[in-house]
Every structure is written in C-alpha cells, then in structure tokens.
N, C-alpha and C. Protein backbone atom coordinates (compact mmCIF):
# COMPACT_ATOMS: atom_id res chain seq x y z
N PHE A 1 -8.79 -4.38 -7.67
CA PHE A 1 -8.79 -2.94 -7.77
C PHE A 1 -8.07 -2.29 -6.60
N SER A 2 -8.22 -2.84 -5.39
CA SER A 2 -7.60 -2.22 -4.22
C SER A 2 -6.08 -2.21 -4.31
N MET A 3 -5.49 -3.35 -4.68
CA MET A 3 -4.03 -3.42 -4.79
C MET A 3 -3.51 -2.49 -5.86
N GLU A 4 -4.26 -2.39 -6.95
CA GLU A 4 -3.83 -1.52 -8.04
C GLU A 4 -3.92 -0.05 -7.64
N MET A 5 -4.93 0.31 -6.85
CA MET A 5 -5.06 1.69 -6.39
C MET A 5 -3.84 2.09 -5.54
N VAL A 6 -3.39 1.20 -4.68
CA VAL A 6 -2.23 1.49 -3.85
C VAL A 6 -0.98 1.60 -4.72
N LEU A 7 -0.86 0.73 -5.72
CA LEU A 7 0.31 0.77 -6.60
C LEU A 7 0.34 2.05 -7.43
N ILE A 8 -0.80 2.54 -7.83
CA ILE A 8 -0.86 3.81 -8.57
C ILE A 8 -0.35 4.95 -7.69
N GLN A 9 -0.79 4.99 -6.43
CA GLN A 9 -0.32 6.04 -5.52
C GLN A 9 1.17 5.92 -5.28
N TYR A 10 1.65 4.70 -5.16
CA TYR A 10 3.09 4.45 -5.00
C TYR A 10 3.85 4.97 -6.22
N ALA A 11 3.38 4.59 -7.42
CA ALA A 11 4.08 4.95 -8.66
C ALA A 11 4.10 6.47 -8.87
N ARG A 12 3.09 7.15 -8.43
CA ARG A 12 3.04 8.61 -8.60
C ARG A 12 3.91 9.36 -7.60
N GLY A 13 4.42 8.66 -6.60
CA GLY A 13 5.32 9.27 -5.65
C GLY A 13 4.65 10.10 -4.57
N TYR A 14 3.35 9.95 -4.37
CA TYR A 14 2.65 10.75 -3.37
C TYR A 14 3.17 10.51 -1.95
N LEU A 15 3.72 9.33 -1.71
CA LEU A 15 4.20 9.03 -0.36
C LEU A 15 5.41 9.85 0.02
N LEU A 16 6.10 10.39 -0.95
CA LEU A 16 7.31 11.15 -0.68
C LEU A 16 7.06 12.64 -0.58
N MET A 17 5.84 13.07 -0.81
CA MET A 17 5.54 14.50 -0.81
C MET A 17 5.66 15.12 0.58
N CYS A 18 5.44 14.33 1.60
CA CYS A 18 5.54 14.82 2.98
C CYS A 18 6.89 14.37 3.53
N VAL A 19 7.84 15.29 3.59
CA VAL A 19 9.18 14.92 4.05
C VAL A 19 9.29 14.90 5.56
N SER A 20 8.34 15.52 6.27
CA SER A 20 8.40 15.56 7.73
C SER A 20 7.42 14.59 8.38
N CYS A 21 6.89 13.65 7.60
CA CYS A 21 5.94 12.70 8.19
C CYS A 21 6.07 11.35 7.50
N ASP A 22 5.56 10.35 8.19
CA ASP A 22 5.49 9.01 7.61
C ASP A 22 4.08 8.84 7.08
N VAL A 23 3.96 8.37 5.85
CA VAL A 23 2.67 8.23 5.19
C VAL A 23 2.41 6.75 4.95
N GLU A 24 1.21 6.31 5.28
CA GLU A 24 0.78 4.95 4.97
C GLU A 24 -0.54 5.03 4.21
N PHE A 25 -0.68 4.21 3.19
CA PHE A 25 -1.93 4.15 2.44
C PHE A 25 -2.32 2.70 2.27
N MET A 26 -3.57 2.39 2.61
CA MET A 26 -4.08 1.04 2.50
C MET A 26 -5.42 1.07 1.77
N SER A 27 -5.63 0.06 0.94
CA SER A 27 -6.90 -0.12 0.29
C SER A 27 -7.22 -1.61 0.31
N CYS A 28 -8.39 -1.96 0.86
CA CYS A 28 -8.76 -3.36 1.01
C CYS A 28 -10.25 -3.55 0.79
N GLY A 29 -10.62 -4.74 0.35
CA GLY A 29 -12.02 -5.13 0.25
C GLY A 29 -12.47 -5.76 1.56
N THR A 30 -13.67 -5.41 2.01
CA THR A 30 -14.15 -5.94 3.28
C THR A 30 -14.46 -7.43 3.20
N ASP A 31 -14.56 -7.97 1.99
CA ASP A 31 -14.82 -9.41 1.85
C ASP A 31 -13.54 -10.24 1.98
N GLY A 32 -12.40 -9.57 2.10
CA GLY A 32 -11.14 -10.28 2.31
C GLY A 32 -10.46 -10.74 1.04
N ILE A 33 -11.04 -10.42 -0.10
CA ILE A 33 -10.42 -10.80 -1.37
C ILE A 33 -10.46 -9.61 -2.33
N ASP A 34 -9.44 -9.51 -3.15
CA ASP A 34 -9.38 -8.46 -4.16
C ASP A 34 -9.31 -9.15 -5.51
N GLY A 35 -10.42 -9.16 -6.21
CA GLY A 35 -10.48 -9.87 -7.48
C GLY A 35 -10.30 -11.36 -7.25
N PRO A 36 -9.52 -12.01 -8.12
CA PRO A 36 -9.35 -13.47 -7.99
C PRO A 36 -8.17 -13.88 -7.10
N THR A 37 -7.78 -13.02 -6.16
CA THR A 37 -6.59 -13.30 -5.35
C THR A 37 -6.97 -13.70 -3.92
N ASP A 38 -5.97 -14.08 -3.16
CA ASP A 38 -6.18 -14.42 -1.75
C ASP A 38 -5.87 -13.24 -0.83
N ALA A 39 -5.67 -12.06 -1.39
CA ALA A 39 -5.36 -10.87 -0.60
C ALA A 39 -6.57 -9.94 -0.58
N ALA A 40 -6.77 -9.28 0.54
CA ALA A 40 -7.85 -8.29 0.66
C ALA A 40 -7.47 -7.00 -0.04
N GLY A 41 -6.18 -6.72 -0.14
CA GLY A 41 -5.70 -5.49 -0.74
C GLY A 41 -4.22 -5.32 -0.47
N ALA A 42 -3.80 -4.06 -0.36
CA ALA A 42 -2.38 -3.78 -0.16
C ALA A 42 -2.22 -2.54 0.70
N VAL A 43 -1.04 -2.44 1.28
CA VAL A 43 -0.67 -1.27 2.07
C VAL A 43 0.75 -0.87 1.67
N VAL A 44 0.98 0.43 1.64
CA VAL A 44 2.33 0.92 1.38
C VAL A 44 2.67 1.98 2.42
N SER A 45 3.89 1.92 2.87
CA SER A 45 4.42 2.89 3.84
C SER A 45 5.81 3.28 3.36
N ARG A 46 6.42 4.19 4.05
CA ARG A 46 7.77 4.60 3.66
C ARG A 46 8.74 3.42 3.74
N SER A 47 8.60 2.57 4.76
CA SER A 47 9.52 1.43 4.89
C SER A 47 9.32 0.43 3.75
N ILE A 48 8.08 0.19 3.34
CA ILE A 48 7.84 -0.70 2.20
C ILE A 48 8.36 -0.05 0.92
N TRP A 49 8.18 1.27 0.81
CA TRP A 49 8.70 1.99 -0.37
C TRP A 49 10.21 1.84 -0.44
N MET A 50 10.89 2.01 0.70
CA MET A 50 12.35 1.90 0.71
C MET A 50 12.80 0.48 0.34
N LYS A 51 12.08 -0.52 0.81
CA LYS A 51 12.40 -1.90 0.46
C LYS A 51 12.24 -2.12 -1.04
N SER A 52 11.21 -1.55 -1.62
CA SER A 52 11.00 -1.72 -3.06
C SER A 52 12.07 -1.01 -3.87
N GLN A 53 12.56 0.13 -3.36
CA GLN A 53 13.60 0.86 -4.07
C GLN A 53 14.93 0.11 -4.07
N ALA A 54 15.13 -0.74 -3.09
CA ALA A 54 16.36 -1.53 -3.01
C ALA A 54 16.41 -2.61 -4.09
N ASN A 55 15.26 -2.95 -4.65
CA ASN A 55 15.18 -3.96 -5.71
C ASN A 55 15.09 -3.24 -7.06
N SER A 56 16.20 -3.11 -7.74
CA SER A 56 16.24 -2.34 -8.99
C SER A 56 15.44 -2.97 -10.12
N GLN A 57 15.05 -4.22 -9.97
CA GLN A 57 14.29 -4.89 -11.03
C GLN A 57 12.78 -4.66 -10.91
N LEU A 58 12.34 -4.03 -9.83
CA LEU A 58 10.92 -3.75 -9.65
C LEU A 58 10.55 -2.46 -10.36
N ASN A 59 9.70 -2.55 -11.35
CA ASN A 59 9.22 -1.40 -12.08
C ASN A 59 7.70 -1.36 -11.93
N PRO A 60 7.16 -0.44 -11.11
CA PRO A 60 5.71 -0.43 -10.89
C PRO A 60 4.90 -0.26 -12.18
N LYS A 61 5.44 0.48 -13.14
CA LYS A 61 4.72 0.67 -14.40
C LYS A 61 4.51 -0.66 -15.11
N HIS A 62 5.50 -1.52 -15.07
CA HIS A 62 5.36 -2.85 -15.69
C HIS A 62 4.20 -3.62 -15.05
N TYR A 63 4.13 -3.60 -13.73
CA TYR A 63 3.07 -4.33 -13.03
C TYR A 63 1.70 -3.70 -13.29
N LEU A 64 1.65 -2.37 -13.37
CA LEU A 64 0.38 -1.70 -13.68
C LEU A 64 -0.06 -2.00 -15.11
N ASP A 65 0.87 -1.94 -16.05
CA ASP A 65 0.54 -2.21 -17.46
C ASP A 65 0.02 -3.62 -17.66
N SER A 66 0.51 -4.57 -16.86
CA SER A 66 0.06 -5.96 -17.01
C SER A 66 -1.02 -6.33 -15.99
N ASN A 67 -1.54 -5.33 -15.27
CA ASN A 67 -2.58 -5.56 -14.25
C ASN A 67 -2.18 -6.67 -13.29
N ASP A 68 -0.96 -6.59 -12.79
CA ASP A 68 -0.42 -7.62 -11.91
C ASP A 68 0.17 -7.00 -10.64
N SER A 69 -0.60 -6.14 -9.99
CA SER A 69 -0.09 -5.49 -8.78
C SER A 69 0.10 -6.50 -7.64
N TYR A 70 -0.61 -7.62 -7.68
CA TYR A 70 -0.47 -8.64 -6.64
C TYR A 70 0.99 -9.05 -6.47
N HIS A 71 1.65 -9.36 -7.58
CA HIS A 71 3.03 -9.86 -7.50
C HIS A 71 4.02 -8.76 -7.09
N PHE A 72 3.72 -7.51 -7.41
CA PHE A 72 4.55 -6.41 -6.92
C PHE A 72 4.49 -6.37 -5.40
N TRP A 73 3.27 -6.33 -4.85
CA TRP A 73 3.10 -6.24 -3.39
C TRP A 73 3.56 -7.51 -2.69
N ASP A 74 3.42 -8.64 -3.34
CA ASP A 74 3.91 -9.88 -2.76
C ASP A 74 5.43 -9.83 -2.60
N THR A 75 6.11 -9.25 -3.56
CA THR A 75 7.57 -9.15 -3.55
C THR A 75 8.08 -8.22 -2.44
N VAL A 76 7.38 -7.12 -2.20
CA VAL A 76 7.87 -6.13 -1.23
C VAL A 76 7.20 -6.22 0.13
N GLY A 77 6.26 -7.12 0.29
CA GLY A 77 5.62 -7.31 1.60
C GLY A 77 4.47 -6.36 1.88
N GLY A 78 3.77 -5.92 0.85
CA GLY A 78 2.66 -4.99 1.06
C GLY A 78 1.27 -5.60 0.98
N LEU A 79 1.17 -6.91 0.79
CA LEU A 79 -0.16 -7.53 0.70
C LEU A 79 -0.84 -7.55 2.07
N VAL A 80 -2.15 -7.35 2.07
CA VAL A 80 -2.96 -7.49 3.27
C VAL A 80 -3.81 -8.73 3.07
N LYS A 81 -3.60 -9.73 3.92
CA LYS A 81 -4.35 -10.98 3.83
C LYS A 81 -5.13 -11.19 5.12
N THR A 82 -6.43 -11.17 5.00
CA THR A 82 -7.30 -11.35 6.16
C THR A 82 -8.04 -12.69 6.12
N GLY A 83 -8.04 -13.31 4.95
CA GLY A 83 -8.90 -14.47 4.74
C GLY A 83 -10.28 -14.00 4.33
N HIS A 84 -11.03 -14.87 3.70
CA HIS A 84 -12.37 -14.53 3.21
C HIS A 84 -13.29 -14.28 4.40
N THR A 85 -13.94 -13.10 4.43
CA THR A 85 -14.78 -12.73 5.56
C THR A 85 -16.24 -13.12 5.39
N GLY A 86 -16.66 -13.33 4.14
CA GLY A 86 -18.07 -13.65 3.89
C GLY A 86 -18.96 -12.43 3.89
N THR A 87 -18.39 -11.25 4.04
CA THR A 87 -19.15 -10.00 4.04
C THR A 87 -18.55 -9.06 3.00
N ASN A 88 -19.39 -8.55 2.13
CA ASN A 88 -18.90 -7.64 1.09
C ASN A 88 -19.66 -6.33 1.21
N VAL A 89 -19.22 -5.47 2.12
CA VAL A 89 -19.87 -4.19 2.34
C VAL A 89 -19.34 -3.15 1.35
N MET A 90 -18.02 -2.98 1.33
CA MET A 90 -17.40 -2.01 0.43
C MET A 90 -15.89 -2.14 0.53
N ASP A 91 -15.19 -1.37 -0.27
CA ASP A 91 -13.74 -1.26 -0.13
C ASP A 91 -13.44 -0.17 0.90
N ILE A 92 -12.34 -0.36 1.60
CA ILE A 92 -11.90 0.61 2.60
C ILE A 92 -10.58 1.20 2.13
N HIS A 93 -10.48 2.51 2.15
CA HIS A 93 -9.25 3.21 1.79
C HIS A 93 -8.84 4.05 3.00
N MET A 94 -7.61 3.89 3.43
CA MET A 94 -7.16 4.61 4.61
C MET A 94 -5.80 5.25 4.35
N LEU A 95 -5.72 6.52 4.66
CA LEU A 95 -4.47 7.27 4.54
C LEU A 95 -4.10 7.76 5.94
N THR A 96 -2.91 7.42 6.39
CA THR A 96 -2.44 7.82 7.71
C THR A 96 -1.18 8.65 7.56
N LEU A 97 -1.17 9.79 8.24
CA LEU A 97 0.00 10.67 8.26
C LEU A 97 0.48 10.75 9.70
N ARG A 98 1.74 10.46 9.92
CA ARG A 98 2.33 10.58 11.25
C ARG A 98 3.41 11.65 11.19
N GLN A 99 3.18 12.75 11.89
CA GLN A 99 4.20 13.79 11.95
C GLN A 99 5.35 13.29 12.80
N GLU A 100 6.55 13.70 12.43
CA GLU A 100 7.73 13.29 13.19
C GLU A 100 8.35 14.48 13.88
N ARG A 101 8.90 14.23 15.04
CA ARG A 101 9.66 15.26 15.74
C ARG A 101 11.14 14.91 15.64
N ARG A 102 11.99 15.66 16.26
CA ARG A 102 13.42 15.36 16.20
C ARG A 102 13.69 13.95 16.67
N GLY A 103 14.60 13.29 16.01
CA GLY A 103 14.90 11.90 16.34
C GLY A 103 14.05 10.92 15.56
N GLY A 104 13.13 11.42 14.73
CA GLY A 104 12.33 10.55 13.89
C GLY A 104 11.22 9.81 14.59
N LYS A 105 10.89 10.17 15.84
CA LYS A 105 9.83 9.47 16.56
C LYS A 105 8.47 10.09 16.22
N PRO A 106 7.43 9.26 16.08
CA PRO A 106 6.12 9.79 15.75
C PRO A 106 5.60 10.76 16.82
N LEU A 107 5.02 11.85 16.37
CA LEU A 107 4.45 12.84 17.26
C LEU A 107 2.96 12.57 17.46
N GLN A 108 2.24 12.33 16.37
CA GLN A 108 0.81 12.05 16.45
C GLN A 108 0.35 11.43 15.14
N SER A 109 -0.82 10.84 15.16
CA SER A 109 -1.41 10.28 13.95
C SER A 109 -2.63 11.09 13.58
N LYS A 110 -2.84 11.29 12.31
CA LYS A 110 -4.01 12.01 11.81
C LYS A 110 -4.60 11.23 10.65
N LEU A 111 -5.89 11.25 10.54
CA LEU A 111 -6.56 10.65 9.37
C LEU A 111 -7.12 11.74 8.52
C-alpha cells in the first residue's frame, strides 16, 4: 500500500504544483516490508520524477492498474529498503517542502 500511495501522488502530478520548492513524499511501513516485497515503501522527489520522465516507456497508470508499483519504483530508484524491523507500529507518510532561493539552493525545510 505504501508504494502505491506514493505512485498515486506521482501520477496525479502533485509534486509539480510547487514551482518554487522541491517536494519529497515518502510512505513506508515501520515493519520494513510493504506487502509481499522486500521494500518498506517508496519515496519520490523532483529528481526521481525527472529520471522517470526520461524513460518514455514508464507509464504510472499501467503499474497502478496492475498493482505493481514495486517495479516502477525499482526502475527509477524510489524504493526504500530498510530490512525487516520486526516491529509493526504503523505506516509513516512524510511530505517535505524545501523552498528555494535564487540559484536553486534550499532555503529551509518545512513539514
């Protein structure tokens, strides 16, 4: 579920809504696994988004329709792998916005 949640946000284009900031979104399970996979979840940032756009064969809707977000994130480098933690408290969702100043350098981080 965590990887799919990140892919849905990616597919909807929410990361591009803020043109003056860098946006990162992560969703992970605290147990270190997301469903039957070896990944805790996924993270997407503008740099990962740009890498995915360079691959014209990647269609997020195809991966969502087939419930295979793992292979999408594996292809673009967005998987979060922590290893099995043995603790299942909850899923963690984090959205980070970094405002940019002239020159593209981060000004501050906000949650």
